[in-house]
C-alpha atoms as a PDB file:
ATOM      1  CA  MET A   1       0.062  -0.013   0.156  1.00  0.00           C
ATOM      2  CA  LYS A   2       1.324   3.464  -1.047  1.00  0.00           C
ATOM      3  CA  ARG A   3       1.802   6.115   1.640  1.00  0.00           C
ATOM      4  CA  LYS A   4      -0.294   9.212   1.024  1.00  0.00           C
ATOM      5  CA  VAL A   5       0.851  12.922   1.379  1.00  0.00           C
ATOM      6  CA  LEU A   6      -1.586  15.835   1.493  1.00  0.00           C
ATOM      7  CA  LEU A   7       0.214  18.982   0.361  1.00  0.00           C
ATOM      8  CA  ILE A   8      -1.723  22.077   1.530  1.00  0.00           C
ATOM      9  CA  TYR A   9      -0.821  25.357  -0.297  1.00  0.00           C
ATOM     10  CA  THR A  10      -1.722  28.523   1.639  1.00  0.00           C
ATOM     11  CA  GLY A  11       0.519  31.110  -0.277  1.00  0.00           C
ATOM     12  CA  GLY A  12       3.787  32.360  -0.441  1.00  0.00           C
ATOM     13  CA  THR A  13       7.066  32.159  -2.002  1.00  0.00           C
ATOM     14  CA  ILE A  14       6.965  28.309  -2.352  1.00  0.00           C
ATOM     15  CA  GLY A  15       4.039  28.820  -5.039  1.00  0.00           C
ATOM     16  CA  MET A  16       5.877  31.481  -7.058  1.00  0.00           C
ATOM     17  CA  GLU A  17       7.809  31.129 -10.322  1.00  0.00           C
ATOM     18  CA  LYS A  18      10.489  33.578 -12.005  1.00  0.00           C
ATOM     19  CA  ASP A  19       9.185  35.963 -14.615  1.00  0.00           C
ATOM     20  CA  TYR A  20      12.323  35.462 -17.000  1.00  0.00           C
ATOM     21  CA  GLU A  21      11.540  39.000 -18.568  1.00  0.00           C
ATOM     22  CA  THR A  22      11.319  41.063 -15.402  1.00  0.00           C
ATOM     23  CA  GLY A  23      13.253  39.025 -13.078  1.00  0.00           C
ATOM     24  CA  SER A  24      10.486  39.115 -10.427  1.00  0.00           C
ATOM     25  CA  LEU A  25       8.493  36.327  -8.979  1.00  0.00           C
ATOM     26  CA  ARG A  26       4.870  35.669  -9.873  1.00  0.00           C
ATOM     27  CA  ALA A  27       2.248  33.326  -8.360  1.00  0.00           C
ATOM     28  CA  PHE A  28       1.451  30.191 -10.325  1.00  0.00           C
ATOM     29  CA  ASP A  29      -1.665  27.890 -10.117  1.00  0.00           C
ATOM     30  CA  PHE A  30      -0.412  25.556  -7.440  1.00  0.00           C
ATOM     31  CA  GLY A  31      -2.855  23.011  -8.616  1.00  0.00           C
ATOM     32  CA  ASN A  32      -0.582  22.386 -11.561  1.00  0.00           C
ATOM     33  CA  ILE A  33       2.402  21.677  -9.340  1.00  0.00           C
ATOM     34  CA  PHE A  34       3.095  18.158 -11.063  1.00  0.00           C
ATOM     35  CA  GLU A  35       3.417  20.006 -14.404  1.00  0.00           C
ATOM     36  CA  LYS A  36       5.811  22.485 -12.904  1.00  0.00           C
ATOM     37  CA  MET A  37       7.820  19.832 -10.868  1.00  0.00           C
ATOM     38  CA  PRO A  38       7.585  16.393 -12.669  1.00  0.00           C
ATOM     39  CA  GLU A  39       9.757  14.934 -10.158  1.00  0.00           C
ATOM     40  CA  MET A  40       6.988  14.827  -7.793  1.00  0.00           C
ATOM     41  CA  LYS A  41       5.599  11.876  -9.749  1.00  0.00           C
ATOM     42  CA  LEU A  42       8.569   9.774  -9.055  1.00  0.00           C
ATOM     43  CA  MET A  43       7.642   9.731  -5.396  1.00  0.00           C
ATOM     44  CA  GLU A  44       6.694   6.464  -3.985  1.00  0.00           C
ATOM     45  CA  CYS A  45       3.533   7.680  -2.737  1.00  0.00           C
ATOM     46  CA  GLU A  46       0.356   9.261  -3.574  1.00  0.00           C
ATOM     47  CA  VAL A  47       0.419  12.987  -3.415  1.00  0.00           C
ATOM     48  CA  PHE A  48      -2.701  15.075  -2.920  1.00  0.00           C
ATOM     49  CA  VAL A  49      -2.474  18.954  -3.560  1.00  0.00           C
ATOM     50  CA  HIS A  50      -5.356  21.196  -1.974  1.00  0.00           C
ATOM     51  CA  PRO A  51      -4.384  24.921  -2.684  1.00  0.00           C
ATOM     52  CA  PHE A  52      -6.304  27.399  -0.958  1.00  0.00           C
ATOM     53  CA  ALA A  53      -8.210  30.061  -2.659  1.00  0.00           C
ATOM     54  CA  LYS A  54      -6.742  33.805  -2.641  1.00  0.00           C
ATOM     55  CA  PRO A  55      -8.535  35.450   0.300  1.00  0.00           C
ATOM     56  CA  LYS A  56     -11.197  38.333  -0.623  1.00  0.00           C
ATOM     57  CA  LYS A  57     -10.262  41.751   0.310  1.00  0.00           C
ATOM     58  CA  LYS A  58     -12.914  43.515   2.556  1.00  0.00           C
ATOM     59  CA  LEU A  59     -14.297  46.773   1.075  1.00  0.00           C
END
């Protein structure tokens, strides 16, 4: 039986990627982490990802 891992993304630097045109960091859709980091598919466990939605601003 494979181990199971739940990856909860709440925001921050780990969910950023470099914009090579500007040199700055920008957020990417953490739900697509397996496309950005295909090495994660090599782990000998099931990985589930739960990114929290961006908080809504109060008016």
